[in-house]
Amino acid sequence: MNLSPSYYEKFNFISPSAIFAEVKEDLRSYFNTGVVDDLLFPVWINRCLDKLKKTQYPIRQAVLNICDDQASLPQDFNSIREVWATTSTGSIDYQFPSGYYYQTDIRVTPDSLIDWCADPTADQVVPEISCDGCDRQFTVTHRVNGHVLMNFKTTFLLRPTPHVLANCNMFCANRGSRSDNEFDIRDGKIITNFSTGTVYMVYYAESTTEDGDQLIPDNVYVKEYLRKYIMYKVFEQLSNQITDETFNQVSQKMMYYKKEADDAFIEAEVKLKMETSNMKRRAMVKLKNRNNEYRIR
């Protein structure tokens, strides 16, 4: 089921353990001596992901049944992207005007005519065949009309309360909703101003590994940014511990990887925010219909 006009790009999310292993292998001499360790790797990863904002979270879907004005949110819920109300308006059994034909061959034997001959007043279509020892065959043509059960549903975006609106990002489709029905997010629940119904929700989810590390987007630009940022932080950590003549060498490496990390972040952010064909199409439709409310009908 896909009720919403979402245009987001769906990423796979993976563990950052491969990046941790790669950094430790590249800087093996430093880790083998024990001057640095990987204790802060998860902290640095989370810091990087925070810069990417909502892109760091998987986007998932859920159907919630509203009872007594509320429903519990999924356990991995982080924030809202879209909330749609769905309402069933009934169904119609529609018969197609056209049909199809098929034929069957029927053999009539004396045994099959016993009942018809015994009761000549019966409402039967019987060929002109006598009952004494005959064995005839004839063809019957059938006409079949198809039909379909059509179900009708109404879907519309719910209007967020000011509390929710303050936490909605620019991609939240509910920001422009003018519906009379609204929703709020409080205490792990979605709360509506209607008592019962069905809500379809697209939300940002929090996903972690078994070790508690935040999952990362399986995107080459994001992974490269994370790798370079961790290497920069390793050399920053080293520069804070060294006081001899090697300080200048470590500082140069630190500044080198900081520049590499900054450039990688810009490239990753640009790639993640690049418009897809669906985004361009939606923008064109929005531009075309921007003055609809002022037109005289």
C-alpha atoms as a PDB file:
ATOM      1  CA  MET A   1       0.000   0.000   0.000  1.00  0.00           C
ATOM      2  CA  ASN A   2       1.402   3.369  -0.981  1.00  0.00           C
ATOM      3  CA  LEU A   3      -1.072   6.174  -0.373  1.00  0.00           C
ATOM      4  CA  SER A   4       1.397   9.001  -0.145  1.00  0.00           C
ATOM      5  CA  PRO A   5       3.151  10.936  -2.922  1.00  0.00           C
ATOM      6  CA  SER A   6       6.541  10.426  -1.260  1.00  0.00           C
ATOM      7  CA  TYR A   7       9.522  11.194  -3.442  1.00  0.00           C
ATOM      8  CA  TYR A   8      12.297  10.227  -1.049  1.00  0.00           C
ATOM      9  CA  GLU A   9      15.162   8.008  -2.113  1.00  0.00           C
ATOM     10  CA  LYS A  10      15.258   4.753  -0.183  1.00  0.00           C
ATOM     11  CA  PHE A  11      18.677   3.820   1.197  1.00  0.00           C
ATOM     12  CA  ASN A  12      19.848   0.588   2.722  1.00  0.00           C
ATOM     13  CA  PHE A  13      21.291   1.039   6.205  1.00  0.00           C
ATOM     14  CA  ILE A  14      24.336  -0.891   7.384  1.00  0.00           C
ATOM     15  CA  SER A  15      26.601  -1.227  10.407  1.00  0.00           C
ATOM     16  CA  PRO A  16      29.579   1.185  10.619  1.00  0.00           C
ATOM     17  CA  SER A  17      31.848  -1.676  11.750  1.00  0.00           C
ATOM     18  CA  ALA A  18      33.485  -1.928   8.288  1.00  0.00           C
ATOM     19  CA  ILE A  19      34.493   1.754   8.482  1.00  0.00           C
ATOM     20  CA  PHE A  20      35.888   1.257  11.985  1.00  0.00           C
ATOM     21  CA  ALA A  21      37.972  -1.683  10.792  1.00  0.00           C
ATOM     22  CA  GLU A  22      39.262   0.235   7.754  1.00  0.00           C
ATOM     23  CA  VAL A  23      40.400   3.207   9.834  1.00  0.00           C
ATOM     24  CA  LYS A  24      42.129   0.968  12.374  1.00  0.00           C
ATOM     25  CA  GLU A  25      43.929  -0.849   9.575  1.00  0.00           C
ATOM     26  CA  ASP A  26      45.058   2.377   7.866  1.00  0.00           C
ATOM     27  CA  LEU A  27      46.388   3.740  11.173  1.00  0.00           C
ATOM     28  CA  ARG A  28      47.549   0.387  12.497  1.00  0.00           C
ATOM     29  CA  SER A  29      50.880   1.703  13.825  1.00  0.00           C
ATOM     30  CA  TYR A  30      49.131   4.184  16.107  1.00  0.00           C
ATOM     31  CA  PHE A  31      46.596   1.681  17.431  1.00  0.00           C
ATOM     32  CA  ASN A  32      49.231  -1.019  18.003  1.00  0.00           C
ATOM     33  CA  THR A  33      51.222   1.278  20.278  1.00  0.00           C
ATOM     34  CA  GLY A  34      48.108   2.080  22.292  1.00  0.00           C
ATOM     35  CA  VAL A  35      48.379   5.866  21.978  1.00  0.00           C
ATOM     36  CA  VAL A  36      44.851   5.943  20.546  1.00  0.00           C
ATOM     37  CA  ASP A  37      41.857   3.621  20.712  1.00  0.00           C
ATOM     38  CA  ASP A  38      38.415   3.198  19.133  1.00  0.00           C
ATOM     39  CA  LEU A  39      36.420   4.030  22.259  1.00  0.00           C
ATOM     40  CA  LEU A  40      35.065   7.283  20.788  1.00  0.00           C
ATOM     41  CA  PHE A  41      34.333   5.940  17.297  1.00  0.00           C
ATOM     42  CA  PRO A  42      30.542   5.636  17.923  1.00  0.00           C
ATOM     43  CA  VAL A  43      30.469   9.158  19.369  1.00  0.00           C
ATOM     44  CA  TRP A  44      32.227  10.570  16.309  1.00  0.00           C
ATOM     45  CA  ILE A  45      29.899   8.656  13.979  1.00  0.00           C
ATOM     46  CA  ASN A  46      26.837  10.116  15.721  1.00  0.00           C
ATOM     47  CA  ARG A  47      28.333  13.597  15.438  1.00  0.00           C
ATOM     48  CA  CYS A  48      28.739  13.137  11.692  1.00  0.00           C
ATOM     49  CA  LEU A  49      25.236  11.783  11.272  1.00  0.00           C
ATOM     50  CA  ASP A  50      23.766  14.713  13.210  1.00  0.00           C
ATOM     51  CA  LYS A  51      25.174  17.034  10.521  1.00  0.00           C
ATOM     52  CA  LEU A  52      23.271  15.058   7.873  1.00  0.00           C
ATOM     53  CA  LYS A  53      20.032  15.690   9.824  1.00  0.00           C
ATOM     54  CA  LYS A  54      17.087  13.503   8.774  1.00  0.00           C
ATOM     55  CA  THR A  55      19.082  11.712   6.093  1.00  0.00           C
ATOM     56  CA  GLN A  56      20.697   9.616   8.808  1.00  0.00           C
ATOM     57  CA  TYR A  57      17.400   7.865   9.635  1.00  0.00           C
ATOM     58  CA  PRO A  58      15.691   5.060   7.707  1.00  0.00           C
ATOM     59  CA  ILE A  59      12.223   5.961   6.396  1.00  0.00           C
ATOM     60  CA  ARG A  60       9.533   3.429   7.253  1.00  0.00           C
ATOM     61  CA  GLN A  61       5.760   3.102   6.987  1.00  0.00           C
ATOM     62  CA  ALA A  62       3.066   2.049   9.441  1.00  0.00           C
ATOM     63  CA  VAL A  63      -0.718   1.743   9.552  1.00  0.00           C
ATOM     64  CA  LEU A  64      -2.201   2.727  12.917  1.00  0.00           C
ATOM     65  CA  ASN A  65      -5.750   2.121  14.172  1.00  0.00           C
ATOM     66  CA  ILE A  66      -7.019   5.135  16.108  1.00  0.00           C
ATOM     67  CA  CYS A  67      -9.038   4.189  19.197  1.00  0.00           C
ATOM     68  CA  ASP A  68     -10.240   6.741  21.753  1.00  0.00           C
ATOM     69  CA  ASP A  69      -8.481   9.548  19.861  1.00  0.00           C
ATOM     70  CA  GLN A  70      -5.017   7.944  19.989  1.00  0.00           C
ATOM     71  CA  ALA A  71      -2.687   5.143  18.914  1.00  0.00           C
ATOM     72  CA  SER A  72       0.742   3.983  20.059  1.00  0.00           C
ATOM     73  CA  LEU A  73       3.694   4.870  17.837  1.00  0.00           C
ATOM     74  CA  PRO A  74       6.200   2.249  16.620  1.00  0.00           C
ATOM     75  CA  GLN A  75       9.053   1.544  19.028  1.00  0.00           C
ATOM     76  CA  ASP A  76      11.668   2.809  16.564  1.00  0.00           C
ATOM     77  CA  PHE A  77       9.817   6.089  15.909  1.00  0.00           C
ATOM     78  CA  ASN A  78      11.943   9.232  15.741  1.00  0.00           C
ATOM     79  CA  SER A  79       9.892  11.884  13.939  1.00  0.00           C
ATOM     80  CA  ILE A  80       7.059  12.357  11.467  1.00  0.00           C
ATOM     81  CA  ARG A  81       7.400  12.703   7.712  1.00  0.00           C
ATOM     82  CA  GLU A  82       3.792  12.220   6.539  1.00  0.00           C
ATOM     83  CA  VAL A  83       0.501  11.369   8.221  1.00  0.00           C
ATOM     84  CA  TRP A  84      -2.540  10.413   6.145  1.00  0.00           C
ATOM     85  CA  ALA A  85      -6.084   9.641   7.268  1.00  0.00           C
ATOM     86  CA  THR A  86      -7.937   6.929   5.344  1.00  0.00           C
ATOM     87  CA  THR A  87     -11.719   6.625   5.316  1.00  0.00           C
ATOM     88  CA  SER A  88     -13.772   3.864   3.687  1.00  0.00           C
ATOM     89  CA  THR A  89     -16.801   5.210   1.784  1.00  0.00           C
ATOM     90  CA  GLY A  90     -18.382   1.896   0.736  1.00  0.00           C
ATOM     91  CA  SER A  91     -18.316  -0.474  -2.221  1.00  0.00           C
ATOM     92  CA  ILE A  92     -20.246  -1.141  -5.447  1.00  0.00           C
ATOM     93  CA  ASP A  93     -20.709  -4.431  -7.271  1.00  0.00           C
ATOM     94  CA  TYR A  94     -20.391  -3.375 -10.903  1.00  0.00           C
ATOM     95  CA  GLN A  95     -21.373  -5.699 -13.797  1.00  0.00           C
ATOM     96  CA  PHE A  96     -19.517  -5.296 -17.064  1.00  0.00           C
ATOM     97  CA  PRO A  97     -21.746  -4.460 -20.081  1.00  0.00           C
ATOM     98  CA  SER A  98     -19.952  -7.003 -22.242  1.00  0.00           C
ATOM     99  CA  GLY A  99     -19.588 -10.715 -21.697  1.00  0.00           C
ATOM    100  CA  TYR A 100     -18.020 -13.768 -23.198  1.00  0.00           C
ATOM    101  CA  TYR A 101     -19.480 -16.916 -24.699  1.00  0.00           C
ATOM    102  CA  TYR A 102     -18.563 -20.561 -24.491  1.00  0.00           C
ATOM    103  CA  GLN A 103     -20.170 -23.791 -25.706  1.00  0.00           C
ATOM    104  CA  THR A 104     -20.622 -27.238 -24.226  1.00  0.00           C
ATOM    105  CA  ASP A 105     -21.651 -30.493 -25.868  1.00  0.00           C
ATOM    106  CA  ILE A 106     -24.439 -32.412 -24.092  1.00  0.00           C
ATOM    107  CA  ARG A 107     -25.350 -36.028 -24.845  1.00  0.00           C
ATOM    108  CA  VAL A 108     -28.946 -37.005 -24.175  1.00  0.00           C
ATOM    109  CA  THR A 109     -29.594 -40.686 -23.369  1.00  0.00           C
ATOM    110  CA  PRO A 110     -32.835 -42.446 -22.499  1.00  0.00           C
ATOM    111  CA  ASP A 111     -31.877 -42.446 -18.814  1.00  0.00           C
ATOM    112  CA  SER A 112     -31.424 -38.692 -18.794  1.00  0.00           C
ATOM    113  CA  LEU A 113     -34.870 -38.152 -20.370  1.00  0.00           C
ATOM    114  CA  ILE A 114     -36.799 -40.317 -17.915  1.00  0.00           C
ATOM    115  CA  ASP A 115     -37.594 -37.435 -15.541  1.00  0.00           C
ATOM    116  CA  TRP A 116     -38.493 -35.065 -18.387  1.00  0.00           C
ATOM    117  CA  CYS A 117     -40.769 -37.613 -20.071  1.00  0.00           C
ATOM    118  CA  ALA A 118     -42.393 -38.587 -16.784  1.00  0.00           C
ATOM    119  CA  ASP A 119     -43.362 -34.954 -16.133  1.00  0.00           C
ATOM    120  CA  PRO A 120     -44.079 -33.271 -19.475  1.00  0.00           C
ATOM    121  CA  THR A 121     -45.349 -30.146 -17.670  1.00  0.00           C
ATOM    122  CA  ALA A 122     -41.889 -29.511 -16.144  1.00  0.00           C
ATOM    123  CA  ASP A 123     -40.243 -26.212 -17.114  1.00  0.00           C
ATOM    124  CA  GLN A 124     -37.410 -27.753 -19.123  1.00  0.00           C
ATOM    125  CA  VAL A 125     -35.899 -26.936 -22.485  1.00  0.00           C
ATOM    126  CA  VAL A 126     -35.923 -30.380 -24.101  1.00  0.00           C
ATOM    127  CA  PRO A 127     -35.011 -31.067 -27.701  1.00  0.00           C
ATOM    128  CA  GLU A 128     -37.549 -32.842 -29.829  1.00  0.00           C
ATOM    129  CA  ILE A 129     -36.402 -36.338 -28.936  1.00  0.00           C
ATOM    130  CA  SER A 130     -38.567 -39.346 -28.149  1.00  0.00           C
ATOM    131  CA  CYS A 131     -37.902 -41.480 -25.092  1.00  0.00           C
ATOM    132  CA  ASP A 132     -37.667 -44.888 -26.781  1.00  0.00           C
ATOM    133  CA  GLY A 133     -34.091 -45.939 -27.112  1.00  0.00           C
ATOM    134  CA  CYS A 134     -32.676 -42.697 -28.511  1.00  0.00           C
ATOM    135  CA  ASP A 135     -29.102 -41.383 -28.031  1.00  0.00           C
ATOM    136  CA  ARG A 136     -28.620 -37.833 -29.285  1.00  0.00           C
ATOM    137  CA  GLN A 137     -26.033 -35.004 -28.807  1.00  0.00           C
ATOM    138  CA  PHE A 138     -26.520 -31.251 -29.071  1.00  0.00           C
ATOM    139  CA  THR A 139     -24.523 -28.050 -28.326  1.00  0.00           C
ATOM    140  CA  VAL A 140     -25.445 -25.456 -25.655  1.00  0.00           C
ATOM    141  CA  THR A 141     -24.116 -21.860 -25.860  1.00  0.00           C
ATOM    142  CA  HIS A 142     -23.557 -19.970 -22.574  1.00  0.00           C
ATOM    143  CA  ARG A 143     -23.084 -16.212 -22.007  1.00  0.00           C
ATOM    144  CA  VAL A 144     -21.181 -15.003 -18.928  1.00  0.00           C
ATOM    145  CA  ASN A 145     -21.072 -11.384 -17.734  1.00  0.00           C
ATOM    146  CA  GLY A 146     -18.141 -10.426 -15.506  1.00  0.00           C
ATOM    147  CA  HIS A 147     -18.411  -8.172 -12.467  1.00  0.00           C
ATOM    148  CA  VAL A 148     -16.040  -6.448 -10.063  1.00  0.00           C
ATOM    149  CA  LEU A 149     -16.386  -5.225  -6.493  1.00  0.00           C
ATOM    150  CA  MET A 150     -15.110  -1.634  -6.335  1.00  0.00           C
ATOM    151  CA  ASN A 151     -14.100  -0.284  -2.938  1.00  0.00           C
ATOM    152  CA  PHE A 152     -13.849   3.477  -2.386  1.00  0.00           C
ATOM    153  CA  LYS A 153     -11.575   5.194   0.112  1.00  0.00           C
ATOM    154  CA  THR A 154     -10.830   8.811   0.883  1.00  0.00           C
ATOM    155  CA  THR A 155      -7.263   9.772   1.843  1.00  0.00           C
ATOM    156  CA  PHE A 156      -6.090  13.183   2.992  1.00  0.00           C
ATOM    157  CA  LEU A 157      -3.208  14.740   4.899  1.00  0.00           C
ATOM    158  CA  LEU A 158      -3.842  15.547   8.537  1.00  0.00           C
ATOM    159  CA  ARG A 159      -3.024  19.022   9.813  1.00  0.00           C
ATOM    160  CA  PRO A 160      -0.224  19.119  12.431  1.00  0.00           C
ATOM    161  CA  THR A 161      -0.667  21.032  15.668  1.00  0.00           C
ATOM    162  CA  PRO A 162       1.757  23.922  16.342  1.00  0.00           C
ATOM    163  CA  HIS A 163       3.708  21.599  18.647  1.00  0.00           C
ATOM    164  CA  VAL A 164       4.319  19.104  15.822  1.00  0.00           C
ATOM    165  CA  LEU A 165       4.801  21.785  13.180  1.00  0.00           C
ATOM    166  CA  ALA A 166       7.740  23.231  15.099  1.00  0.00           C
ATOM    167  CA  ASN A 167       9.558  19.892  14.730  1.00  0.00           C
ATOM    168  CA  CYS A 168       8.607  19.192  11.076  1.00  0.00           C
ATOM    169  CA  ASN A 169      11.367  19.646   8.545  1.00  0.00           C
ATOM    170  CA  MET A 170      10.905  21.059   5.040  1.00  0.00           C
ATOM    171  CA  PHE A 171      10.104  17.618   3.618  1.00  0.00           C
ATOM    172  CA  CYS A 172       7.127  17.071   5.931  1.00  0.00           C
ATOM    173  CA  ALA A 173       4.132  16.884   3.576  1.00  0.00           C
ATOM    174  CA  ASN A 174       1.676  17.857   6.342  1.00  0.00           C
ATOM    175  CA  ARG A 175       3.031  21.403   6.623  1.00  0.00           C
ATOM    176  CA  GLY A 176       0.600  22.716   3.977  1.00  0.00           C
ATOM    177  CA  SER A 177      -2.470  20.716   5.006  1.00  0.00           C
ATOM    178  CA  ARG A 178      -5.717  22.654   5.543  1.00  0.00           C
ATOM    179  CA  SER A 179      -7.718  19.708   6.824  1.00  0.00           C
ATOM    180  CA  ASP A 180     -10.119  20.084   9.751  1.00  0.00           C
ATOM    181  CA  ASN A 181      -8.632  16.911  11.208  1.00  0.00           C
ATOM    182  CA  GLU A 182      -5.349  17.376  13.058  1.00  0.00           C
ATOM    183  CA  PHE A 183      -2.828  15.277  14.941  1.00  0.00           C
ATOM    184  CA  ASP A 184      -0.303  15.691  17.732  1.00  0.00           C
ATOM    185  CA  ILE A 185       2.650  13.616  18.963  1.00  0.00           C
ATOM    186  CA  ARG A 186       2.979  13.217  22.744  1.00  0.00           C
ATOM    187  CA  ASP A 187       4.211  10.546  25.171  1.00  0.00           C
ATOM    188  CA  GLY A 188       4.912   7.949  22.493  1.00  0.00           C
ATOM    189  CA  LYS A 189       1.436   8.286  20.963  1.00  0.00           C
ATOM    190  CA  ILE A 190      -0.237   9.982  18.033  1.00  0.00           C
ATOM    191  CA  ILE A 191      -3.308  11.905  19.180  1.00  0.00           C
ATOM    192  CA  THR A 192      -6.067  13.011  16.801  1.00  0.00           C
ATOM    193  CA  ASN A 193      -9.232  15.074  17.073  1.00  0.00           C
ATOM    194  CA  PHE A 194     -11.369  12.167  15.803  1.00  0.00           C
ATOM    195  CA  SER A 195     -12.175   9.201  18.020  1.00  0.00           C
ATOM    196  CA  THR A 196     -11.738   6.273  15.617  1.00  0.00           C
ATOM    197  CA  GLY A 197     -10.194   5.700  12.216  1.00  0.00           C
ATOM    198  CA  THR A 198      -7.143   4.475  10.340  1.00  0.00           C
ATOM    199  CA  VAL A 199      -3.946   6.471   9.912  1.00  0.00           C
ATOM    200  CA  TYR A 200      -1.178   5.748   7.399  1.00  0.00           C
ATOM    201  CA  MET A 201       2.140   7.151   8.548  1.00  0.00           C
ATOM    202  CA  VAL A 202       5.575   7.632   6.957  1.00  0.00           C
ATOM    203  CA  TYR A 203       8.170   8.238   9.671  1.00  0.00           C
ATOM    204  CA  TYR A 204      11.881   8.467  10.414  1.00  0.00           C
ATOM    205  CA  ALA A 205      13.077   5.469  12.410  1.00  0.00           C
ATOM    206  CA  GLU A 206      15.981   5.001  14.790  1.00  0.00           C
ATOM    207  CA  SER A 207      17.961   1.855  13.978  1.00  0.00           C
ATOM    208  CA  THR A 208      20.996   0.545  15.821  1.00  0.00           C
ATOM    209  CA  THR A 209      23.148  -2.561  15.709  1.00  0.00           C
ATOM    210  CA  GLU A 210      23.222  -5.163  18.478  1.00  0.00           C
ATOM    211  CA  ASP A 211      26.187  -3.288  19.936  1.00  0.00           C
ATOM    212  CA  GLY A 212      24.192  -0.047  20.043  1.00  0.00           C
ATOM    213  CA  ASP A 213      25.945   1.678  17.128  1.00  0.00           C
ATOM    214  CA  GLN A 214      23.799   3.877  14.897  1.00  0.00           C
ATOM    215  CA  LEU A 215      23.226   2.361  11.445  1.00  0.00           C
ATOM    216  CA  ILE A 216      24.525   4.464   8.560  1.00  0.00           C
ATOM    217  CA  PRO A 217      23.207   4.989   4.995  1.00  0.00           C
ATOM    218  CA  ASP A 218      24.785   2.591   2.504  1.00  0.00           C
ATOM    219  CA  ASN A 219      25.945   5.462   0.309  1.00  0.00           C
ATOM    220  CA  VAL A 220      29.506   5.754  -1.000  1.00  0.00           C
ATOM    221  CA  TYR A 221      29.708   9.501  -0.317  1.00  0.00           C
ATOM    222  CA  VAL A 222      28.423   9.182   3.239  1.00  0.00           C
ATOM    223  CA  LYS A 223      30.790   6.305   4.040  1.00  0.00           C
ATOM    224  CA  GLU A 224      33.761   8.211   2.660  1.00  0.00           C
ATOM    225  CA  TYR A 225      32.849  11.255   4.754  1.00  0.00           C
ATOM    226  CA  LEU A 226      32.573   9.161   7.920  1.00  0.00           C
ATOM    227  CA  ARG A 227      35.915   7.459   7.283  1.00  0.00           C
ATOM    228  CA  LYS A 228      37.780  10.728   6.730  1.00  0.00           C
ATOM    229  CA  TYR A 229      36.150  12.399   9.710  1.00  0.00           C
ATOM    230  CA  ILE A 230      37.198   9.596  12.062  1.00  0.00           C
ATOM    231  CA  MET A 231      40.783   9.770  10.775  1.00  0.00           C
ATOM    232  CA  TYR A 232      40.787  13.523  11.379  1.00  0.00           C
ATOM    233  CA  LYS A 233      39.544  12.990  14.956  1.00  0.00           C
ATOM    234  CA  VAL A 234      42.244  10.370  15.578  1.00  0.00           C
ATOM    235  CA  PHE A 235      44.994  12.845  14.645  1.00  0.00           C
ATOM    236  CA  GLU A 236      43.307  15.571  16.676  1.00  0.00           C
ATOM    237  CA  GLN A 237      43.420  13.229  19.644  1.00  0.00           C
ATOM    238  CA  LEU A 238      47.094  12.559  18.986  1.00  0.00           C
ATOM    239  CA  SER A 239      47.905  16.275  18.734  1.00  0.00           C
ATOM    240  CA  ASN A 240      46.410  16.816  22.180  1.00  0.00           C
ATOM    241  CA  GLN A 241      48.717  14.177  23.684  1.00  0.00           C
ATOM    242  CA  ILE A 242      52.047  14.967  21.987  1.00  0.00           C
ATOM    243  CA  THR A 243      54.361  17.712  23.221  1.00  0.00           C
ATOM    244  CA  ASP A 244      57.648  16.883  21.478  1.00  0.00           C
ATOM    245  CA  GLU A 245      58.974  17.661  17.981  1.00  0.00           C
ATOM    246  CA  THR A 246      56.500  15.236  16.350  1.00  0.00           C
ATOM    247  CA  PHE A 247      53.682  17.643  17.188  1.00  0.00           C
ATOM    248  CA  ASN A 248      54.085  19.548  13.919  1.00  0.00           C
ATOM    249  CA  GLN A 249      53.917  16.346  11.878  1.00  0.00           C
ATOM    250  CA  VAL A 250      50.761  15.174  13.637  1.00  0.00           C
ATOM    251  CA  SER A 251      49.200  18.643  13.305  1.00  0.00           C
ATOM    252  CA  GLN A 252      49.850  18.673   9.569  1.00  0.00           C
ATOM    253  CA  LYS A 253      48.197  15.278   9.178  1.00  0.00           C
ATOM    254  CA  MET A 254      45.305  16.443  11.346  1.00  0.00           C
ATOM    255  CA  MET A 255      44.716  19.538   9.195  1.00  0.00           C
ATOM    256  CA  TYR A 256      45.017  17.453   6.039  1.00  0.00           C
ATOM    257  CA  TYR A 257      42.327  15.000   7.148  1.00  0.00           C
ATOM    258  CA  LYS A 258      40.145  17.811   8.470  1.00  0.00           C
ATOM    259  CA  LYS A 259      40.130  19.399   5.020  1.00  0.00           C
ATOM    260  CA  GLU A 260      39.438  16.000   3.460  1.00  0.00           C
ATOM    261  CA  ALA A 261      36.547  15.425   5.881  1.00  0.00           C
ATOM    262  CA  ASP A 262      35.047  18.878   5.236  1.00  0.00           C
ATOM    263  CA  ASP A 263      35.188  18.357   1.475  1.00  0.00           C
ATOM    264  CA  ALA A 264      33.678  14.878   1.819  1.00  0.00           C
ATOM    265  CA  PHE A 265      30.839  16.252   3.964  1.00  0.00           C
ATOM    266  CA  ILE A 266      29.955  18.878   1.355  1.00  0.00           C
ATOM    267  CA  GLU A 267      29.963  16.270  -1.402  1.00  0.00           C
ATOM    268  CA  ALA A 268      27.832  13.856   0.631  1.00  0.00           C
ATOM    269  CA  GLU A 269      25.326  16.575   1.538  1.00  0.00           C
ATOM    270  CA  VAL A 270      25.009  17.688  -2.090  1.00  0.00           C
ATOM    271  CA  LYS A 271      24.457  14.128  -3.312  1.00  0.00           C
ATOM    272  CA  LEU A 272      21.848  13.385  -0.651  1.00  0.00           C
ATOM    273  CA  LYS A 273      19.905  16.575  -1.383  1.00  0.00           C
ATOM    274  CA  MET A 274      20.084  16.305  -5.156  1.00  0.00           C
ATOM    275  CA  GLU A 275      16.637  16.521  -6.762  1.00  0.00           C
ATOM    276  CA  THR A 276      15.182  13.341  -8.197  1.00  0.00           C
ATOM    277  CA  SER A 277      12.877  13.291 -11.227  1.00  0.00           C
ATOM    278  CA  ASN A 278       9.866  12.911  -8.910  1.00  0.00           C
ATOM    279  CA  MET A 279      10.923  15.965  -6.918  1.00  0.00           C
ATOM    280  CA  LYS A 280      11.201  18.049 -10.111  1.00  0.00           C
ATOM    281  CA  ARG A 281       7.809  16.847 -11.324  1.00  0.00           C
ATOM    282  CA  ARG A 282       6.185  17.674  -8.006  1.00  0.00           C
ATOM    283  CA  ALA A 283       7.740  21.160  -8.015  1.00  0.00           C
ATOM    284  CA  MET A 284       6.386  21.794 -11.527  1.00  0.00           C
ATOM    285  CA  VAL A 285       2.867  20.753 -10.518  1.00  0.00           C
ATOM    286  CA  LYS A 286       3.048  22.932  -7.404  1.00  0.00           C
ATOM    287  CA  LEU A 287       4.205  25.914  -9.476  1.00  0.00           C
ATOM    288  CA  LYS A 288       1.411  25.381 -11.991  1.00  0.00           C
ATOM    289  CA  ASN A 289      -1.294  25.258  -9.311  1.00  0.00           C
ATOM    290  CA  ARG A 290       0.027  27.985  -7.013  1.00  0.00           C
ATOM    291  CA  ASN A 291      -2.736  30.463  -7.960  1.00  0.00           C
ATOM    292  CA  ASN A 292      -5.662  28.030  -8.021  1.00  0.00           C
ATOM    293  CA  GLU A 293      -7.273  29.493  -4.911  1.00  0.00           C
ATOM    294  CA  TYR A 294      -7.572  32.906  -6.621  1.00  0.00           C
ATOM    295  CA  ARG A 295      -9.296  31.651  -9.755  1.00  0.00           C
ATOM    296  CA  ILE A 296     -12.981  32.456 -10.234  1.00  0.00           C
ATOM    297  CA  ARG A 297     -14.970  29.311 -11.006  1.00  0.00           C
END
